[in-house]
C-alpha atoms as a PDB file:
ATOM      1  CA  MET A   1       0.000   0.000   0.000  1.00  0.00           C
ATOM      2  CA  SER A   2       1.343   3.399  -0.989  1.00  0.00           C
ATOM      3  CA  VAL A   3       0.509   6.314   1.279  1.00  0.00           C
ATOM      4  CA  VAL A   4       1.172   9.723  -0.244  1.00  0.00           C
ATOM      5  CA  LEU A   5       0.848  12.562   2.213  1.00  0.00           C
ATOM      6  CA  SER A   6       0.217  16.213   1.606  1.00  0.00           C
ATOM      7  CA  ALA A   7       2.437  18.727   3.398  1.00  0.00           C
ATOM      8  CA  ALA A   8      -0.237  19.326   6.020  1.00  0.00           C
ATOM      9  CA  ALA A   9      -0.862  15.618   6.553  1.00  0.00           C
ATOM     10  CA  LEU A  10       2.856  14.999   6.669  1.00  0.00           C
ATOM     11  CA  SER A  11       3.228  17.534   9.482  1.00  0.00           C
ATOM     12  CA  LEU A  12       0.554  15.849  11.548  1.00  0.00           C
ATOM     13  CA  THR A  13       1.529  12.263  10.797  1.00  0.00           C
ATOM     14  CA  LEU A  14       5.244  12.645  11.366  1.00  0.00           C
ATOM     15  CA  GLY A  15       5.042  15.090  14.242  1.00  0.00           C
ATOM     16  CA  MET A  16       6.785  17.926  12.442  1.00  0.00           C
ATOM     17  CA  LEU A  17       5.653  21.368  13.548  1.00  0.00           C
ATOM     18  CA  PRO A  18       5.811  23.998  10.769  1.00  0.00           C
ATOM     19  CA  SER A  19       8.173  26.206  12.762  1.00  0.00           C
ATOM     20  CA  ALA A  20      10.459  23.342  13.764  1.00  0.00           C
ATOM     21  CA  ALA A  21      12.162  23.049  10.397  1.00  0.00           C
ATOM     22  CA  ALA A  22      12.958  26.752  10.232  1.00  0.00           C
ATOM     23  CA  ASP A  23      14.224  26.754  13.804  1.00  0.00           C
ATOM     24  CA  ALA A  24      16.374  23.690  13.175  1.00  0.00           C
ATOM     25  CA  ASP A  25      17.726  25.203   9.978  1.00  0.00           C
ATOM     26  CA  ARG A  26      18.741  28.357  11.811  1.00  0.00           C
ATOM     27  CA  LYS A  27      20.406  26.217  14.458  1.00  0.00           C
ATOM     28  CA  HIS A  28      22.354  24.285  11.864  1.00  0.00           C
ATOM     29  CA  GLY A  29      23.298  27.483  10.092  1.00  0.00           C
ATOM     30  CA  THR A  30      24.812  29.005  13.235  1.00  0.00           C
ATOM     31  CA  ARG A  31      26.596  25.963  14.601  1.00  0.00           C
ATOM     32  CA  ALA A  32      30.305  25.385  14.030  1.00  0.00           C
ATOM     33  CA  GLU A  33      31.242  24.828  10.395  1.00  0.00           C
ATOM     34  CA  GLN A  34      31.201  21.209   9.282  1.00  0.00           C
ATOM     35  CA  THR A  35      34.856  20.758   8.429  1.00  0.00           C
ATOM     36  CA  SER A  36      34.565  17.633   6.309  1.00  0.00           C
ATOM     37  CA  LEU A  37      32.121  15.247   4.706  1.00  0.00           C
ATOM     38  CA  SER A  38      32.854  11.648   3.828  1.00  0.00           C
ATOM     39  CA  ARG A  39      32.416  11.908   0.070  1.00  0.00           C
ATOM     40  CA  GLU A  40      31.673   8.641  -1.688  1.00  0.00           C
ATOM     41  CA  GLY A  41      31.018  10.075  -5.089  1.00  0.00           C
ATOM     42  CA  TYR A  42      31.208  13.241  -7.146  1.00  0.00           C
ATOM     43  CA  TRP A  43      30.361  12.945 -10.819  1.00  0.00           C
ATOM     44  CA  PRO A  44      30.801  16.286 -12.686  1.00  0.00           C
ATOM     45  CA  LEU A  45      29.479  14.644 -15.886  1.00  0.00           C
ATOM     46  CA  ASP A  46      31.841  16.625 -18.076  1.00  0.00           C
ATOM     47  CA  ALA A  47      32.885  13.551 -20.092  1.00  0.00           C
ATOM     48  CA  ALA A  48      32.200   9.822 -20.385  1.00  0.00           C
ATOM     49  CA  PRO A  49      34.955   8.090 -22.386  1.00  0.00           C
ATOM     50  CA  GLY A  50      33.725   4.694 -23.504  1.00  0.00           C
ATOM     51  CA  GLY A  51      30.341   5.419 -21.922  1.00  0.00           C
ATOM     52  CA  ILE A  52      31.830   5.659 -18.412  1.00  0.00           C
ATOM     53  CA  ALA A  53      31.500   8.919 -16.458  1.00  0.00           C
ATOM     54  CA  PRO A  54      34.379   9.006 -13.955  1.00  0.00           C
ATOM     55  CA  ASN A  55      34.068   9.609 -10.254  1.00  0.00           C
ATOM     56  CA  VAL A  56      36.317  12.349  -8.842  1.00  0.00           C
ATOM     57  CA  GLU A  57      36.835  10.140  -5.777  1.00  0.00           C
ATOM     58  CA  PRO A  58      39.934   8.014  -6.636  1.00  0.00           C
ATOM     59  CA  GLN A  59      38.403   4.779  -5.314  1.00  0.00           C
ATOM     60  CA  GLY A  60      34.820   5.763  -6.063  1.00  0.00           C
ATOM     61  CA  LEU A  61      32.406   3.992  -8.378  1.00  0.00           C
ATOM     62  CA  PRO A  62      31.970   5.444 -11.875  1.00  0.00           C
ATOM     63  CA  LEU A  63      28.630   5.969 -13.596  1.00  0.00           C
ATOM     64  CA  THR A  64      27.912   3.805 -16.636  1.00  0.00           C
ATOM     65  CA  LEU A  65      25.731   5.390 -19.305  1.00  0.00           C
ATOM     66  CA  ASN A  66      22.856   3.274 -20.632  1.00  0.00           C
ATOM     67  CA  GLY A  67      20.426   3.545 -23.528  1.00  0.00           C
ATOM     68  CA  ASP A  68      20.884   6.671 -25.624  1.00  0.00           C
ATOM     69  CA  SER A  69      22.176   8.785 -22.743  1.00  0.00           C
ATOM     70  CA  TRP A  70      25.126  10.947 -23.664  1.00  0.00           C
ATOM     71  CA  ILE A  71      27.348  13.746 -22.408  1.00  0.00           C
ATOM     72  CA  TYR A  72      26.792  17.087 -24.068  1.00  0.00           C
ATOM     73  CA  GLN A  73      29.945  19.222 -24.130  1.00  0.00           C
ATOM     74  CA  ASN A  74      30.001  22.922 -24.839  1.00  0.00           C
ATOM     75  CA  ASP A  75      33.022  23.185 -27.108  1.00  0.00           C
ATOM     76  CA  ASP A  76      31.642  26.124 -29.064  1.00  0.00           C
ATOM     77  CA  ILE A  77      31.588  29.576 -27.513  1.00  0.00           C
ATOM     78  CA  PHE A  78      28.330  30.159 -29.387  1.00  0.00           C
ATOM     79  CA  GLY A  79      26.807  26.877 -28.265  1.00  0.00           C
ATOM     80  CA  ASP A  80      24.454  26.170 -25.390  1.00  0.00           C
ATOM     81  CA  ALA A  81      26.108  26.290 -21.994  1.00  0.00           C
ATOM     82  CA  ALA A  82      26.102  23.140 -19.877  1.00  0.00           C
ATOM     83  CA  LEU A  83      24.333  23.333 -16.525  1.00  0.00           C
ATOM     84  CA  VAL A  84      27.699  23.450 -14.729  1.00  0.00           C
ATOM     85  CA  GLY A  85      31.208  23.257 -16.127  1.00  0.00           C
ATOM     86  CA  ARG A  86      32.014  21.836 -19.537  1.00  0.00           C
ATOM     87  CA  GLY A  87      29.381  19.127 -19.858  1.00  0.00           C
ATOM     88  CA  GLU A  88      26.104  17.620 -18.700  1.00  0.00           C
ATOM     89  CA  LEU A  89      24.273  14.312 -18.990  1.00  0.00           C
ATOM     90  CA  ARG A  90      21.387  14.427 -21.440  1.00  0.00           C
ATOM     91  CA  LEU A  91      18.459  12.025 -21.281  1.00  0.00           C
ATOM     92  CA  ASP A  92      15.442  11.759 -23.562  1.00  0.00           C
ATOM     93  CA  GLY A  93      13.079   9.983 -21.164  1.00  0.00           C
ATOM     94  CA  ASP A  94      12.829   6.897 -23.368  1.00  0.00           C
ATOM     95  CA  GLY A  95      14.886   4.244 -21.590  1.00  0.00           C
ATOM     96  CA  ASP A  96      18.020   6.301 -20.879  1.00  0.00           C
ATOM     97  CA  TRP A  97      19.867   6.399 -17.567  1.00  0.00           C
ATOM     98  CA  ALA A  98      23.248   6.122 -15.842  1.00  0.00           C
ATOM     99  CA  ALA A  99      24.085   3.953 -12.848  1.00  0.00           C
ATOM    100  CA  THR A 100      26.853   2.825 -10.531  1.00  0.00           C
ATOM    101  CA  SER A 101      27.528  -0.891 -10.098  1.00  0.00           C
ATOM    102  CA  ALA A 102      26.774  -0.750  -6.355  1.00  0.00           C
ATOM    103  CA  ALA A 103      25.234   1.730  -3.940  1.00  0.00           C
ATOM    104  CA  PRO A 104      27.699   4.542  -3.060  1.00  0.00           C
ATOM    105  CA  VAL A 105      25.750   5.101   0.179  1.00  0.00           C
ATOM    106  CA  SER A 106      23.894   2.310   1.917  1.00  0.00           C
ATOM    107  CA  GLY A 107      20.771   4.166   3.001  1.00  0.00           C
ATOM    108  CA  ASP A 108      20.727   2.605   6.479  1.00  0.00           C
ATOM    109  CA  GLY A 109      22.875   5.368   7.982  1.00  0.00           C
ATOM    110  CA  SER A 110      23.318   9.098   7.481  1.00  0.00           C
ATOM    111  CA  PHE A 111      23.762  10.225   3.891  1.00  0.00           C
ATOM    112  CA  THR A 112      23.478  13.154   1.495  1.00  0.00           C
ATOM    113  CA  LEU A 113      22.523  12.950  -2.178  1.00  0.00           C
ATOM    114  CA  ALA A 114      22.593  16.000  -4.438  1.00  0.00           C
ATOM    115  CA  VAL A 115      22.082  16.739  -8.131  1.00  0.00           C
ATOM    116  CA  ARG A 116      21.366  19.600 -10.512  1.00  0.00           C
ATOM    117  CA  ALA A 117      18.609  18.855 -13.009  1.00  0.00           C
ATOM    118  CA  ARG A 118      16.560  20.619 -15.660  1.00  0.00           C
ATOM    119  CA  LEU A 119      13.381  19.048 -16.966  1.00  0.00           C
ATOM    120  CA  ALA A 120      12.844  19.148 -20.708  1.00  0.00           C
ATOM    121  CA  ALA A 121       9.212  19.791 -19.844  1.00  0.00           C
ATOM    122  CA  ALA A 122       7.151  19.737 -16.659  1.00  0.00           C
ATOM    123  CA  ASP A 123       4.500  17.618 -18.363  1.00  0.00           C
ATOM    124  CA  ASP A 124       2.143  14.771 -17.463  1.00  0.00           C
ATOM    125  CA  ARG A 125       4.892  12.192 -16.799  1.00  0.00           C
ATOM    126  CA  THR A 126       6.345  11.565 -13.354  1.00  0.00           C
ATOM    127  CA  GLN A 127      10.140  11.557 -13.795  1.00  0.00           C
ATOM    128  CA  THR A 128      12.819  10.321 -11.384  1.00  0.00           C
ATOM    129  CA  VAL A 129      16.151  12.159 -11.232  1.00  0.00           C
ATOM    130  CA  LEU A 130      17.962   9.994  -8.641  1.00  0.00           C
ATOM    131  CA  SER A 131      17.053   6.777  -6.859  1.00  0.00           C
ATOM    132  CA  LEU A 132      18.616   4.225  -4.517  1.00  0.00           C
ATOM    133  CA  PRO A 133      16.900   0.893  -5.208  1.00  0.00           C
ATOM    134  CA  GLY A 134      16.512  -2.249  -3.173  1.00  0.00           C
ATOM    135  CA  SER A 135      15.184  -5.482  -4.622  1.00  0.00           C
ATOM    136  CA  GLU A 136      11.473  -4.579  -4.435  1.00  0.00           C
ATOM    137  CA  ALA A 137      11.348  -0.835  -3.750  1.00  0.00           C
ATOM    138  CA  ASP A 138      13.345   2.377  -3.885  1.00  0.00           C
ATOM    139  CA  ARG A 139      14.961   3.204  -0.566  1.00  0.00           C
ATOM    140  CA  LEU A 140      14.721   6.784  -1.737  1.00  0.00           C
ATOM    141  CA  ALA A 141      13.844   8.614  -4.939  1.00  0.00           C
ATOM    142  CA  ILE A 142      14.030  12.272  -5.966  1.00  0.00           C
ATOM    143  CA  ARG A 143      11.512  12.978  -8.686  1.00  0.00           C
ATOM    144  CA  TYR A 144       9.201  15.362 -10.503  1.00  0.00           C
ATOM    145  CA  GLN A 145       5.636  14.416  -9.617  1.00  0.00           C
ATOM    146  CA  ALA A 146       3.313  15.119 -12.540  1.00  0.00           C
ATOM    147  CA  ALA A 147       0.139  15.019 -10.436  1.00  0.00           C
ATOM    148  CA  SER A 148       1.282  17.940  -8.275  1.00  0.00           C
ATOM    149  CA  GLY A 149       3.732  19.593 -10.666  1.00  0.00           C
ATOM    150  CA  LYS A 150       6.360  19.672  -7.903  1.00  0.00           C
ATOM    151  CA  TRP A 151       9.701  18.211  -6.911  1.00  0.00           C
ATOM    152  CA  GLU A 152       9.420  15.581  -4.216  1.00  0.00           C
ATOM    153  CA  VAL A 153      11.352  12.984  -2.226  1.00  0.00           C
ATOM    154  CA  VAL A 154       9.845   9.529  -1.780  1.00  0.00           C
ATOM    155  CA  VAL A 155      11.010   7.224   1.024  1.00  0.00           C
ATOM    156  CA  THR A 156       9.808   3.615   1.104  1.00  0.00           C
ATOM    157  CA  THR A 157       9.592   2.292   4.641  1.00  0.00           C
ATOM    158  CA  LYS A 158      10.521  -1.325   3.782  1.00  0.00           C
ATOM    159  CA  ASP A 159      12.058  -3.151   0.821  1.00  0.00           C
ATOM    160  CA  GLU A 160       8.669  -4.477  -0.169  1.00  0.00           C
ATOM    161  CA  ALA A 161       6.571  -3.676  -3.219  1.00  0.00           C
ATOM    162  CA  THR A 162       3.507  -2.857  -1.114  1.00  0.00           C
ATOM    163  CA  ALA A 163       5.297  -1.005   1.701  1.00  0.00           C
ATOM    164  CA  PRO A 164       3.952   2.422   2.717  1.00  0.00           C
ATOM    165  CA  GLN A 165       5.762   5.469   1.384  1.00  0.00           C
ATOM    166  CA  VAL A 166       6.445   8.875   2.883  1.00  0.00           C
ATOM    167  CA  VAL A 167       6.441  11.715   0.373  1.00  0.00           C
ATOM    168  CA  ILE A 168       7.946  15.136   1.042  1.00  0.00           C
ATOM    169  CA  ALA A 169       6.978  17.690  -1.596  1.00  0.00           C
ATOM    170  CA  GLU A 170       8.607  21.069  -2.119  1.00  0.00           C
ATOM    171  CA  GLU A 171       5.688  23.461  -1.701  1.00  0.00           C
ATOM    172  CA  GLN A 172       7.345  26.709  -2.777  1.00  0.00           C
ATOM    173  CA  ALA A 173       9.824  26.306  -5.644  1.00  0.00           C
ATOM    174  CA  LEU A 174       8.254  24.864  -8.801  1.00  0.00           C
ATOM    175  CA  PRO A 175      10.485  22.926 -11.214  1.00  0.00           C
ATOM    176  CA  ASN A 176      12.333  25.185 -13.645  1.00  0.00           C
ATOM    177  CA  ASP A 177      12.026  23.727 -17.152  1.00  0.00           C
ATOM    178  CA  THR A 178      12.930  26.945 -18.965  1.00  0.00           C
ATOM    179  CA  PRO A 179      15.279  26.117 -21.881  1.00  0.00           C
ATOM    180  CA  PHE A 180      18.922  27.107 -21.274  1.00  0.00           C
ATOM    181  CA  SER A 181      18.233  27.812 -17.591  1.00  0.00           C
ATOM    182  CA  LEU A 182      20.271  26.369 -14.722  1.00  0.00           C
ATOM    183  CA  GLY A 183      17.377  24.112 -13.746  1.00  0.00           C
ATOM    184  CA  ASP A 184      17.163  23.272 -10.042  1.00  0.00           C
ATOM    185  CA  HIS A 185      19.598  21.971  -7.459  1.00  0.00           C
ATOM    186  CA  LEU A 186      18.073  19.157  -5.391  1.00  0.00           C
ATOM    187  CA  ALA A 187      19.597  17.756  -2.191  1.00  0.00           C
ATOM    188  CA  VAL A 188      18.363  15.166   0.286  1.00  0.00           C
ATOM    189  CA  VAL A 189      20.009  14.956   3.717  1.00  0.00           C
ATOM    190  CA  PHE A 190      19.246  12.080   6.076  1.00  0.00           C
ATOM    191  CA  ASN A 191      20.526  12.321   9.647  1.00  0.00           C
ATOM    192  CA  ALA A 192      20.204   8.801  11.062  1.00  0.00           C
ATOM    193  CA  SER A 193      20.913   9.699  14.686  1.00  0.00           C
ATOM    194  CA  ALA A 194      18.294  12.463  14.670  1.00  0.00           C
ATOM    195  CA  GLN A 195      15.942  10.425  12.438  1.00  0.00           C
ATOM    196  CA  GLU A 196      15.509  13.517  10.304  1.00  0.00           C
ATOM    197  CA  LEU A 197      15.102  13.825   6.547  1.00  0.00           C
ATOM    198  CA  ARG A 198      15.567  17.176   4.796  1.00  0.00           C
ATOM    199  CA  PHE A 199      14.827  18.154   1.197  1.00  0.00           C
ATOM    200  CA  TYR A 200      16.582  21.262  -0.137  1.00  0.00           C
ATOM    201  CA  VAL A 201      15.712  22.912  -3.455  1.00  0.00           C
ATOM    202  CA  ASN A 202      18.250  25.450  -4.714  1.00  0.00           C
ATOM    203  CA  GLY A 203      19.875  25.504  -1.300  1.00  0.00           C
ATOM    204  CA  GLN A 204      16.643  26.455   0.470  1.00  0.00           C
ATOM    205  CA  LEU A 205      14.706  24.478   3.072  1.00  0.00           C
ATOM    206  CA  SER A 206      11.026  25.331   3.378  1.00  0.00           C
ATOM    207  CA  ASP A 207       8.976  24.782   6.541  1.00  0.00           C
ATOM    208  CA  THR A 208       7.381  21.692   4.989  1.00  0.00           C
ATOM    209  CA  SER A 209      10.592  20.082   3.747  1.00  0.00           C
ATOM    210  CA  THR A 210      11.777  18.443   6.981  1.00  0.00           C
ATOM    211  CA  ALA A 211      10.298  15.264   8.410  1.00  0.00           C
ATOM    212  CA  VAL A 212      10.978  12.672  11.070  1.00  0.00           C
ATOM    213  CA  ASP A 213      12.094   9.459   9.363  1.00  0.00           C
ATOM    214  CA  SER A 214      12.907   6.236  11.214  1.00  0.00           C
ATOM    215  CA  THR A 215      13.268   4.227   7.991  1.00  0.00           C
ATOM    216  CA  SER A 216      16.450   2.175   7.945  1.00  0.00           C
ATOM    217  CA  TRP A 217      17.137  -0.483   5.358  1.00  0.00           C
ATOM    218  CA  THR A 218      20.039  -1.016   3.003  1.00  0.00           C
ATOM    219  CA  ALA A 219      19.884  -0.215  -0.689  1.00  0.00           C
ATOM    220  CA  SER A 220      21.107  -3.256  -2.607  1.00  0.00           C
ATOM    221  CA  ALA A 221      21.639  -1.845  -6.104  1.00  0.00           C
ATOM    222  CA  GLY A 222      23.587   0.998  -7.660  1.00  0.00           C
ATOM    223  CA  LEU A 223      22.647   4.672  -7.654  1.00  0.00           C
ATOM    224  CA  GLN A 224      20.305   5.336 -10.583  1.00  0.00           C
ATOM    225  CA  VAL A 225      20.568   8.652 -12.412  1.00  0.00           C
ATOM    226  CA  GLY A 226      17.589   9.424 -14.602  1.00  0.00           C
ATOM    227  CA  ARG A 227      15.210   6.674 -13.546  1.00  0.00           C
ATOM    228  CA  SER A 228      13.739   4.471 -10.865  1.00  0.00           C
ATOM    229  CA  ALA A 229      15.013   0.922 -11.362  1.00  0.00           C
ATOM    230  CA  ILE A 230      11.753  -0.242  -9.784  1.00  0.00           C
ATOM    231  CA  ASN A 231       9.153   1.970 -11.468  1.00  0.00           C
ATOM    232  CA  GLY A 232      10.876   3.314 -14.579  1.00  0.00           C
ATOM    233  CA  GLU A 233       9.815   6.980 -14.521  1.00  0.00           C
ATOM    234  CA  TYR A 234      12.617   7.891 -16.936  1.00  0.00           C
ATOM    235  CA  PHE A 235      13.834  11.473 -16.783  1.00  0.00           C
ATOM    236  CA  SER A 236      13.820  13.721 -19.835  1.00  0.00           C
ATOM    237  CA  GLY A 237      16.218  16.637 -19.634  1.00  0.00           C
ATOM    238  CA  SER A 238      19.707  17.493 -18.374  1.00  0.00           C
ATOM    239  CA  VAL A 239      21.486  16.266 -15.242  1.00  0.00           C
ATOM    240  CA  ASP A 240      24.752  17.493 -13.747  1.00  0.00           C
ATOM    241  CA  GLU A 241      26.841  17.615 -10.559  1.00  0.00           C
ATOM    242  CA  VAL A 242      25.747  14.346  -8.920  1.00  0.00           C
ATOM    243  CA  ARG A 243      27.105  13.960  -5.371  1.00  0.00           C
ATOM    244  CA  ALA A 244      26.901  11.295  -2.661  1.00  0.00           C
ATOM    245  CA  TYR A 245      28.161  11.511   0.937  1.00  0.00           C
ATOM    246  CA  SER A 246      27.889   9.033   3.791  1.00  0.00           C
ATOM    247  CA  ASP A 247      27.284  11.908   6.220  1.00  0.00           C
ATOM    248  CA  ALA A 248      24.477  14.373   6.825  1.00  0.00           C
ATOM    249  CA  ALA A 249      25.579  17.647   5.217  1.00  0.00           C
ATOM    250  CA  ASP A 250      24.920  20.844   7.126  1.00  0.00           C
ATOM    251  CA  ARG A 251      23.084  23.820   5.678  1.00  0.00           C
ATOM    252  CA  THR A 252      26.249  25.654   4.666  1.00  0.00           C
ATOM    253  CA  SER A 253      27.535  22.660   2.700  1.00  0.00           C
ATOM    254  CA  VAL A 254      24.229  22.293   0.864  1.00  0.00           C
ATOM    255  CA  ILE A 255      24.273  25.980  -0.074  1.00  0.00           C
ATOM    256  CA  GLN A 256      27.792  25.518  -1.447  1.00  0.00           C
ATOM    257  CA  MET A 257      26.679  22.510  -3.498  1.00  0.00           C
ATOM    258  CA  ALA A 258      23.807  24.559  -4.920  1.00  0.00           C
ATOM    259  CA  ASN A 259      26.202  27.122  -6.406  1.00  0.00           C
ATOM    260  CA  PRO A 260      26.257  26.651 -10.201  1.00  0.00           C
ATOM    261  CA  MET A 261      29.980  25.958 -10.368  1.00  0.00           C
ATOM    262  CA  SER A 262      32.300  22.970 -10.137  1.00  0.00           C
ATOM    263  CA  LEU A 263      33.647  22.472  -6.615  1.00  0.00           C
ATOM    264  CA  PRO A 264      35.884  19.395  -6.778  1.00  0.00           C
ATOM    265  CA  ASP A 265      37.125  19.833  -3.200  1.00  0.00           C
ATOM    266  CA  LEU A 266      33.680  19.889  -1.584  1.00  0.00           C
END
């Protein structure tokens, strides 16, 4: 059974008071700087020789391109700019995606996933940008939900096809599908010790984008870029700057990630 909650229902069901997220965000913003994150993957998507997009982390897993996915490179000063840096991953929504061979973060502890994405069109198709699959369900998915016309994060409570889901929708920032725009930066932060899930859009955290989450099961398959391995929901548009950390990033780090520039040391 899938349970999709509105922002108001989510607040009541998960015990999240509207002011709590803002207060917590201010607290995180004023605490001591987070000096380091355990980065498991950073894929700038500037090139993919042989269909393999390298990971900046020396021992990190690369992304393998599948279907007709390809890396667009701006080699012409009069050409279209990539979302960030020299290149971006382009997907047509018809069976294209990229994936790692194993999960860069397990999903049963703290983690941060981030990506910059621009929809080709905010149309009537639900489209997944990033997902961490298990055998029967996505541990987590970041997607455009056609029914609401909004970005959302979906957490499945168990690795079962009929397990309930918790959905956190961004209520303020609508997806930017304007051609040649920078799209949107999307980041999910899960703090296992606090049992807190946060969804940032363009570095901002709205009052309805924080929820209590006690879900804890291990993703068993690789990170999917541009689809859900369970439900399809292929993404049509451009993807760039994919990041994975096995820590909960603080607010300052997320704001840095949201800057439209390559930051290989972050």
